[in-house]
Amino acid sequence: MITELTFPALSPTMSEGTLVAWRVKAGDVIKPGQVVAEIQTDKAVAEWESPEGGTIRELLTAAGTVVKVNTIAAILTSKGEDIAATLAEAKKKNEALAAGGAVAAPVATASGAPKPALNFAAVPAPAKAAPVKKGPRVSPVAARIAAENALDLTRISGSGPDGRIVRADVERAIKDGSAKAAAGPAAPLKPKLKVLRADAGDKAIAMSPMRSIIASRLQASKQQIPHFYVEEQVDAGQLDLVREQLNRLDGVRVTINDLIVRASALALRAHPRLNATFDGKTVTQLDSSDISVAVSLPDGLITPIVTKAHSKSVRAIGEEIRILAKKAQDGKLAPAEFQGGSFTISNLGSTGIAAFSAIINPPQVAILAVAAIRDEPVVRNGAVVPGRLVRLTLSADHRAVDGADAAAFMKTLRELLENPATLLI
């Protein structure tokens, strides 16, 4: 029996991918389910498993090339059959497909039944590298206060987990004057701006599969979805304090984003119209708060999903996000880890940006943009006092969500974030 292995579609949006490497060569005998190649899709790298066993007679696609879905990539035989006619026909089909012709139909087995769907498995993550020894561990708040007061962090003993320097340590050093930086030229607090360079020629950069998919999907989102925006300003002082207190526990690492994911998941349970998808005809309100978290990659971004985030602790959410982010950066996410989701959060707080708005990730009906926590004056009890504020911007699909729904969701989210003890139950 002769079997044709056709290049698979790993995600609903995938129309082509890169054949990264073959794991087999002509003449190899393989078993059903054996990995024959690695493929780079628009989202991740995955292993391609053959649904059939046999002898590899011909590889029709070279490693490192971009291949359209349903291209015949290899030919197998079970009993040494003559493949001359099959090979010639396969090359014709591939040429027609490459030229934009009809998609090749699934190849039938000897019994006439269609070939079973190909199986995929996420490429295992590489072993963790040995930890690199760094300078003093310090919380962001403690680092900011130390910089403002010209303190030498190497002269401060940390009382947090693993010797981490926390706010209380810095405030104590300010009082006793034990960590003042030595006299002399002060080290620059910020790196120099690298904006001056020699002229260079123009450069044309081909769109990668991931960049092409991002361009297509986001263009469609802005053209087809009537976005509207609801902005809210949150007093994040208590939120930042709770994060710092949690991080005093040995082995615990919690970020502001982890707390925002938890708060959003709980708010969505109270406002199901935001926890939904829309296919153009039907709005499906989802029971589970499955939060897609935007992760930046060198060539774009991807949104791995924290499933059932409403039922997980802040610590569990943070650990899961870090695992998913590492896999995303290594290109090792499995399809189930990034396909789907009920609501997306995009956080640019680490860049120090004051505010921004995000583009909806269809078929979801909303996305939350999170900016940086900034020191700003606030009014409390009629007096102007220092505050820590963060601006949140919700983008919503007006076909499925009304302004009142979006405003109610943002009100609940603000109340949760300004009373962060509610996130710890």
Protein backbone atom coordinates (compact mmCIF):
# COMPACT_ATOMS: atom_id res chain seq x y z
CA MET A 1 0.00 0.00 0.00
CA ILE A 2 1.22 3.49 -0.89
CA THR A 3 0.60 6.31 1.60
CA GLU A 4 1.00 10.03 1.00
CA LEU A 5 1.82 12.19 4.03
CA THR A 6 0.27 15.64 3.56
CA PHE A 7 1.45 18.76 5.40
CA PRO A 8 -1.04 19.32 8.25
CA ALA A 9 -2.96 22.33 9.58
CA LEU A 10 -2.15 22.60 13.28
CA SER A 11 -4.44 25.56 14.04
CA PRO A 12 -7.68 26.88 12.51
CA THR A 13 -5.84 29.92 11.11
CA MET A 14 -2.91 28.02 9.63
CA SER A 15 -2.62 28.00 5.83
CA GLU A 16 1.11 27.33 5.62
CA GLY A 17 4.06 26.61 7.86
CA THR A 18 7.78 25.98 7.87
CA LEU A 19 9.11 22.43 7.81
CA VAL A 20 11.85 23.00 10.37
CA ALA A 21 13.54 19.58 10.19
CA TRP A 22 12.93 16.04 9.06
CA ARG A 23 13.41 13.36 11.72
CA VAL A 24 13.52 10.63 9.05
CA LYS A 25 15.21 10.05 5.70
CA ALA A 26 14.47 8.01 2.60
CA GLY A 27 14.76 4.30 3.35
CA ASP A 28 13.82 4.56 7.05
CA VAL A 29 11.17 2.18 8.34
CA ILE A 30 8.71 3.94 10.65
CA LYS A 31 5.85 2.89 12.91
CA PRO A 32 2.40 4.48 13.24
CA GLY A 33 2.61 7.47 15.58
CA GLN A 34 6.34 7.98 15.06
CA VAL A 35 7.53 11.59 14.79
CA VAL A 36 8.67 12.28 11.26
CA ALA A 37 9.29 16.05 11.31
CA GLU A 38 9.13 19.31 13.25
CA ILE A 39 6.94 22.07 11.84
CA GLN A 40 6.75 25.79 12.68
CA THR A 41 3.20 27.09 12.49
CA ASP A 42 1.96 30.65 12.88
CA LYS A 43 1.98 30.06 16.66
CA ALA A 44 4.44 27.38 17.79
CA VAL A 45 6.76 24.51 16.90
CA ALA A 46 5.16 21.06 16.97
CA GLU A 47 6.11 17.48 16.21
CA TRP A 48 4.43 15.79 13.25
CA GLU A 49 3.48 12.17 13.87
CA SER A 50 2.76 9.81 11.00
CA PRO A 51 -0.65 8.09 11.17
CA GLU A 52 0.73 5.13 9.22
CA GLY A 53 3.76 2.90 9.31
CA GLY A 54 5.92 1.80 6.41
CA THR A 55 9.12 2.66 4.54
CA ILE A 56 9.96 6.26 3.67
CA ARG A 57 10.42 6.15 -0.10
CA GLU A 58 10.58 9.84 -0.97
CA LEU A 59 10.73 13.21 0.82
CA LEU A 60 9.21 15.85 -1.47
CA THR A 61 9.73 18.91 0.72
CA ALA A 62 13.11 20.23 1.87
CA ALA A 63 13.73 21.20 5.49
CA GLY A 64 13.65 24.93 6.11
CA THR A 65 11.08 25.71 3.42
CA VAL A 66 7.63 27.28 3.80
CA VAL A 67 4.99 24.71 2.88
CA LYS A 68 1.28 25.11 2.18
CA VAL A 69 -1.18 22.99 4.12
CA ASN A 70 -2.10 19.74 2.26
CA THR A 71 1.16 19.69 0.28
CA ILE A 72 2.30 16.08 -0.18
CA ALA A 73 5.51 16.04 1.82
CA ALA A 74 6.45 12.35 1.80
CA ILE A 75 5.52 8.98 0.31
CA LEU A 76 5.48 5.69 2.24
CA THR A 77 5.10 2.13 1.06
CA SER A 78 4.31 -1.02 3.01
CA LYS A 79 5.57 -3.68 0.59
CA GLY A 80 8.05 -1.95 -1.71
CA GLU A 81 5.48 -0.92 -4.31
CA ASP A 82 6.50 1.04 -7.43
CA ILE A 83 5.92 4.74 -6.67
CA ALA A 84 6.83 6.26 -10.04
CA ALA A 85 3.24 7.13 -11.02
CA THR A 86 2.33 8.25 -7.49
CA LEU A 87 5.43 10.44 -7.28
CA ALA A 88 4.71 12.13 -10.61
CA GLU A 89 1.09 12.79 -9.62
CA ALA A 90 2.16 14.12 -6.19
CA LYS A 91 4.55 16.60 -7.79
CA LYS A 92 1.76 17.85 -10.08
CA LYS A 93 -0.59 18.30 -7.12
CA ASN A 94 2.07 20.20 -5.19
CA GLU A 95 2.79 22.49 -8.14
CA ALA A 96 -0.92 23.26 -8.52
CA LEU A 97 -1.26 23.95 -4.80
CA ALA A 98 1.80 26.22 -4.77
CA ALA A 99 0.34 28.14 -7.72
CA GLY A 100 -2.87 28.77 -5.80
CA GLY A 101 -4.96 25.90 -7.11
CA ALA A 102 -7.50 23.82 -5.24
CA VAL A 103 -6.48 22.21 -1.97
CA ALA A 104 -5.54 18.58 -2.37
CA ALA A 105 -8.11 16.13 -1.06
CA PRO A 106 -7.23 13.69 1.73
CA VAL A 107 -5.54 10.57 0.38
CA ALA A 108 -7.52 7.35 0.58
CA THR A 109 -6.09 4.11 1.93
CA ALA A 110 -6.20 0.86 0.01
CA SER A 111 -9.62 0.11 1.54
CA GLY A 112 -10.97 3.46 0.31
CA ALA A 113 -11.37 4.96 3.79
CA PRO A 114 -10.03 8.48 4.31
CA LYS A 115 -6.74 8.85 6.10
CA PRO A 116 -7.05 9.47 9.85
CA ALA A 117 -6.18 12.93 11.14
CA LEU A 118 -2.54 13.48 11.91
CA ASN A 119 -1.49 13.61 15.54
CA PHE A 120 0.57 16.33 17.14
CA ALA A 121 2.50 16.67 20.37
CA ALA A 122 4.14 19.75 21.79
CA VAL A 123 7.92 19.66 21.54
CA PRO A 124 9.22 19.08 25.07
CA ALA A 125 10.70 22.15 26.72
CA PRO A 126 14.48 22.16 27.02
CA ALA A 127 16.10 21.49 30.37
CA LYS A 128 16.47 24.56 32.52
CA ALA A 129 19.86 26.20 32.45
CA ALA A 130 21.85 26.56 35.64
CA PRO A 131 20.86 29.73 37.50
CA VAL A 132 23.07 32.75 36.92
CA LYS A 133 24.31 34.55 39.99
CA LYS A 134 23.03 38.13 40.06
CA GLY A 135 23.15 41.19 42.32
CA PRO A 136 20.93 41.83 45.32
CA ARG A 137 17.34 40.71 44.94
CA VAL A 138 15.04 43.66 45.46
CA SER A 139 11.32 44.37 45.06
CA PRO A 140 10.35 47.05 42.50
CA VAL A 141 9.01 49.38 45.20
CA ALA A 142 12.16 48.99 47.30
CA ALA A 143 14.38 49.63 44.26
CA ARG A 144 12.48 52.82 43.41
CA ILE A 145 12.71 54.20 46.95
CA ALA A 146 16.41 53.30 47.16
CA ALA A 147 17.14 55.08 43.87
CA GLU A 148 15.23 58.18 44.98
CA ASN A 149 17.29 58.32 48.18
CA ALA A 150 20.68 57.45 46.60
CA LEU A 151 21.09 54.25 48.62
CA ASP A 152 23.63 51.53 47.90
CA LEU A 153 21.58 48.31 47.72
CA THR A 154 24.66 46.16 48.32
CA ARG A 155 24.85 47.64 51.84
CA ILE A 156 21.27 46.71 52.74
CA SER A 157 20.39 43.32 54.25
CA GLY A 158 17.15 41.93 52.88
CA SER A 159 14.54 40.42 55.20
CA GLY A 160 12.39 38.97 52.43
CA PRO A 161 12.50 35.44 50.97
CA ASP A 162 16.02 34.37 49.97
CA GLY A 163 17.38 37.69 51.25
CA ARG A 164 15.17 39.79 48.99
CA ILE A 165 15.28 43.51 49.86
CA VAL A 166 11.78 44.82 50.53
CA ARG A 167 10.31 48.22 51.27
CA ALA A 168 10.72 47.91 55.04
CA ASP A 169 14.46 47.22 54.65
CA VAL A 170 14.97 50.36 52.54
CA GLU A 171 12.92 52.56 54.88
CA ARG A 172 14.99 51.30 57.83
CA ALA A 173 18.21 52.12 55.94
CA ILE A 174 16.95 55.64 55.24
CA LYS A 175 16.31 56.20 58.94
CA ASP A 176 19.68 54.94 60.18
CA GLY A 177 21.69 56.29 57.22
CA SER A 178 23.61 53.01 56.91
CA ALA A 179 23.35 52.58 53.16
CA LYS A 180 24.16 55.95 51.69
CA ALA A 181 26.01 55.60 48.42
CA ALA A 182 29.71 56.41 48.58
CA ALA A 183 30.79 59.89 47.53
CA GLY A 184 31.84 60.26 43.95
CA PRO A 185 30.19 60.34 40.55
CA ALA A 186 26.74 58.76 40.82
CA ALA A 187 25.96 55.82 38.63
CA PRO A 188 23.33 56.63 35.99
CA LEU A 189 19.86 55.56 37.07
CA LYS A 190 18.78 54.93 33.50
CA PRO A 191 20.62 53.53 30.49
CA LYS A 192 21.63 56.00 27.83
CA LEU A 193 19.30 56.39 24.87
CA LYS A 194 20.72 54.69 21.81
CA VAL A 195 19.17 56.83 19.10
CA LEU A 196 22.26 57.95 17.18
CA ARG A 197 23.66 55.70 14.49
CA ALA A 198 25.21 55.83 11.06
CA ASP A 199 22.92 55.90 8.02
CA ALA A 200 22.15 52.58 6.39
CA GLY A 201 20.31 51.44 3.31
CA ASP A 202 16.61 50.55 3.24
CA LYS A 203 15.80 46.96 4.07
CA ALA A 204 12.87 44.82 2.90
CA ILE A 205 11.80 42.22 5.46
CA ALA A 206 9.64 39.30 4.41
CA MET A 207 6.63 38.62 6.63
CA SER A 208 7.04 35.48 8.71
CA PRO A 209 4.09 33.05 8.99
CA MET A 210 3.33 34.38 12.50
CA ARG A 211 3.54 38.04 11.44
CA SER A 212 1.31 37.36 8.42
CA ILE A 213 -1.36 35.75 10.58
CA ILE A 214 -1.21 38.58 13.12
CA ALA A 215 -1.56 41.15 10.33
CA SER A 216 -4.52 39.34 8.78
CA ARG A 217 -6.40 38.73 12.04
CA LEU A 218 -5.91 42.20 13.50
CA GLN A 219 -6.81 43.92 10.26
CA ALA A 220 -10.01 41.86 10.13
CA SER A 221 -10.71 42.66 13.79
CA LYS A 222 -10.45 46.43 13.31
CA GLN A 223 -12.38 46.39 10.03
CA GLN A 224 -15.19 44.05 11.07
CA ILE A 225 -15.60 44.62 14.82
CA PRO A 226 -17.10 47.94 16.05
CA HIS A 227 -14.73 48.58 18.95
CA PHE A 228 -15.66 50.91 21.79
CA TYR A 229 -13.57 51.76 24.82
CA VAL A 230 -14.16 52.18 28.55
CA GLU A 231 -11.33 53.57 30.67
CA GLU A 232 -10.90 53.33 34.44
CA GLN A 233 -8.30 54.63 36.86
CA VAL A 234 -7.48 52.35 39.80
CA ASP A 235 -5.76 53.26 43.07
CA ALA A 236 -3.14 50.49 43.14
CA GLY A 237 -1.44 51.39 46.41
CA GLN A 238 -3.02 48.56 48.42
CA LEU A 239 -2.63 46.17 45.50
CA ASP A 240 1.11 46.82 45.35
CA LEU A 241 1.38 46.46 49.12
CA VAL A 242 -0.39 43.08 49.09
CA ARG A 243 1.89 41.88 46.30
CA GLU A 244 4.93 42.86 48.36
CA GLN A 245 3.54 41.15 51.48
CA LEU A 246 2.83 37.93 49.57
CA ASN A 247 6.36 37.93 48.19
CA ARG A 248 7.77 37.94 51.72
CA LEU A 249 6.68 34.29 51.93
CA ASP A 250 9.42 31.81 51.09
CA GLY A 251 9.00 30.37 47.60
CA VAL A 252 6.21 32.78 46.61
CA ARG A 253 6.48 35.12 43.63
CA VAL A 254 3.41 37.17 42.74
CA THR A 255 3.22 40.02 40.22
CA ILE A 256 0.69 42.79 39.71
CA ASN A 257 -0.37 41.05 36.51
CA ASP A 258 -1.16 37.84 38.43
CA LEU A 259 -3.46 39.82 40.72
CA ILE A 260 -5.13 41.53 37.74
CA VAL A 261 -5.74 38.16 36.04
CA ARG A 262 -7.36 36.86 39.23
CA ALA A 263 -9.50 39.99 39.63
CA SER A 264 -10.58 39.91 35.97
CA ALA A 265 -11.56 36.25 36.23
CA LEU A 266 -13.75 36.97 39.25
CA ALA A 267 -15.31 40.07 37.64
CA LEU A 268 -16.17 38.05 34.54
CA ARG A 269 -18.14 35.59 36.69
CA ALA A 270 -20.33 38.52 37.75
CA HIS A 271 -20.57 39.95 34.21
CA PRO A 272 -20.96 36.99 31.79
CA ARG A 273 -21.71 39.21 28.78
CA LEU A 274 -18.00 40.08 28.74
CA ASN A 275 -16.95 36.43 29.14
CA ALA A 276 -18.21 35.45 25.72
CA THR A 277 -17.46 34.77 22.07
CA PHE A 278 -19.33 36.00 18.99
CA ASP A 279 -19.28 34.27 15.59
CA GLY A 280 -21.28 36.90 13.73
CA LYS A 281 -24.63 35.30 14.47
CA THR A 282 -24.56 33.86 17.97
CA VAL A 283 -23.14 35.14 21.25
CA THR A 284 -21.93 32.28 23.44
CA GLN A 285 -21.58 33.20 27.11
CA LEU A 286 -18.88 30.96 28.59
CA ASP A 287 -19.10 29.63 32.13
CA SER A 288 -15.36 29.34 32.78
CA SER A 289 -13.10 32.40 32.96
CA ASP A 290 -10.31 31.24 30.63
CA ILE A 291 -7.94 34.21 30.50
CA SER A 292 -5.68 34.67 27.47
CA VAL A 293 -2.50 36.50 28.52
CA ALA A 294 -0.58 38.33 25.78
CA VAL A 295 3.09 37.30 25.64
CA SER A 296 5.53 39.27 23.50
CA LEU A 297 7.76 37.32 21.09
CA PRO A 298 10.61 38.54 18.86
CA ASP A 299 8.35 38.29 15.80
CA GLY A 300 4.96 39.12 17.29
CA LEU A 301 2.88 37.89 20.19
CA ILE A 302 0.86 34.91 21.34
CA THR A 303 -1.86 34.52 23.95
CA PRO A 304 -1.48 31.38 26.09
CA ILE A 305 -4.50 30.64 28.27
CA VAL A 306 -4.91 30.33 32.03
CA THR A 307 -7.94 28.04 32.14
CA LYS A 308 -10.50 28.30 34.95
CA ALA A 309 -8.62 31.28 36.37
CA HIS A 310 -11.60 32.06 38.64
CA SER A 311 -10.95 28.83 40.55
CA LYS A 312 -7.19 29.26 41.00
CA SER A 313 -5.20 31.11 43.64
CA VAL A 314 -3.07 34.12 42.75
CA ARG A 315 0.05 32.04 43.35
CA ALA A 316 -1.17 29.22 41.07
CA ILE A 317 -2.09 31.74 38.36
CA GLY A 318 1.38 33.32 38.53
CA GLU A 319 3.18 29.99 38.32
CA GLU A 320 1.06 28.91 35.36
CA ILE A 321 1.63 32.19 33.50
CA ARG A 322 5.40 31.89 33.91
CA ILE A 323 5.40 28.30 32.63
CA LEU A 324 3.23 29.23 29.64
CA ALA A 325 5.30 32.34 28.88
CA LYS A 326 8.53 30.30 28.86
CA LYS A 327 7.00 27.73 26.53
CA ALA A 328 5.70 30.54 24.29
CA GLN A 329 9.12 32.17 24.06
CA ASP A 330 10.66 28.79 23.21
CA GLY A 331 7.94 28.12 20.59
CA LYS A 332 6.83 25.01 22.47
CA LEU A 333 3.16 25.71 23.25
CA ALA A 334 0.72 22.91 22.46
CA PRO A 335 -2.39 23.98 20.48
CA ALA A 336 -4.68 23.53 23.50
CA GLU A 337 -2.54 26.03 25.42
CA PHE A 338 -3.20 28.97 23.09
CA GLN A 339 -6.37 28.17 21.11
CA GLY A 340 -9.63 29.42 22.65
CA GLY A 341 -9.91 31.58 25.74
CA SER A 342 -12.82 33.75 26.84
CA PHE A 343 -11.11 37.11 27.58
CA THR A 344 -7.67 38.61 26.91
CA ILE A 345 -5.37 40.78 29.03
CA SER A 346 -2.53 42.77 27.47
CA ASN A 347 -0.15 44.33 30.00
CA LEU A 348 2.47 46.92 29.01
CA GLY A 349 3.12 48.02 32.58
CA SER A 350 6.77 46.97 32.45
CA THR A 351 7.42 49.61 29.77
CA GLY A 352 6.22 52.45 32.02
CA ILE A 353 3.53 53.45 29.50
CA ALA A 354 0.74 55.68 30.88
CA ALA A 355 -2.19 54.22 28.91
CA PHE A 356 -3.05 52.37 25.71
CA SER A 357 -5.91 50.51 24.05
CA ALA A 358 -5.80 47.01 22.59
CA ILE A 359 -7.40 45.31 19.57
CA ILE A 360 -9.99 42.60 20.30
CA ASN A 361 -8.88 39.02 19.76
CA PRO A 362 -11.84 37.42 17.91
CA PRO A 363 -14.05 35.53 18.50
CA GLN A 364 -13.72 36.99 22.02
CA VAL A 365 -15.79 40.13 22.66
CA ALA A 366 -13.42 42.08 24.90
CA ILE A 367 -9.78 42.71 25.81
CA LEU A 368 -8.26 44.60 28.76
CA ALA A 369 -5.23 46.87 28.33
CA VAL A 370 -3.15 47.40 31.49
CA ALA A 371 -0.68 50.28 31.75
CA ALA A 372 2.02 50.98 34.33
CA ILE A 373 1.47 51.85 37.99
CA ARG A 374 2.62 55.47 38.33
CA ASP A 375 3.16 57.88 41.19
CA GLU A 376 0.48 60.55 40.87
CA PRO A 377 -1.33 62.90 43.25
CA VAL A 378 -4.77 61.78 44.42
CA VAL A 379 -7.45 63.40 46.54
CA ARG A 380 -8.39 61.61 49.77
CA ASN A 381 -10.73 63.14 52.33
CA GLY A 382 -10.42 66.51 50.64
CA ALA A 383 -6.61 66.55 50.72
CA VAL A 384 -4.12 66.01 47.89
CA VAL A 385 -1.78 63.14 48.81
CA PRO A 386 0.72 60.90 46.95
CA GLY A 387 -0.93 57.99 45.16
CA ARG A 388 -0.13 54.94 43.04
CA LEU A 389 -2.45 54.82 40.03
CA VAL A 390 -2.89 52.43 37.10
CA ARG A 391 -5.06 53.05 34.04
CA LEU A 392 -7.08 50.21 32.56
CA THR A 393 -8.75 50.38 29.13
CA LEU A 394 -11.39 47.87 28.06
CA SER A 395 -11.99 47.37 24.33
CA ALA A 396 -15.37 45.73 23.66
CA ASP A 397 -17.33 44.51 20.64
CA HIS A 398 -20.46 46.70 20.41
CA ARG A 399 -22.30 43.97 18.48
CA ALA A 400 -22.31 41.77 21.58
CA VAL A 401 -21.64 44.18 24.48
CA ASP A 402 -23.33 47.45 25.46
CA GLY A 403 -21.65 50.38 27.17
CA ALA A 404 -23.52 49.75 30.42
CA ASP A 405 -22.24 46.15 30.50
CA ALA A 406 -18.65 47.28 29.98
CA ALA A 407 -18.94 50.03 32.61
CA ALA A 408 -20.39 47.62 35.18
CA PHE A 409 -17.57 45.17 34.58
CA MET A 410 -14.92 47.87 35.00
CA LYS A 411 -16.56 49.09 38.21
CA THR A 412 -16.43 45.58 39.68
CA LEU A 413 -12.84 45.13 38.53
CA ARG A 414 -11.79 48.42 40.15
CA GLU A 415 -13.47 47.50 43.45
CA LEU A 416 -11.68 44.15 43.51
CA LEU A 417 -8.28 45.68 42.74
CA GLU A 418 -8.67 48.46 45.29
CA ASN A 419 -9.64 45.87 47.93
CA PRO A 420 -7.05 43.18 47.10
CA ALA A 421 -7.80 41.01 50.16
CA THR A 422 -10.87 39.87 48.15
CA LEU A 423 -8.49 38.21 45.68
CA LEU A 424 -6.96 35.92 48.28
CA ILE A 425 -10.00 33.77 49.07
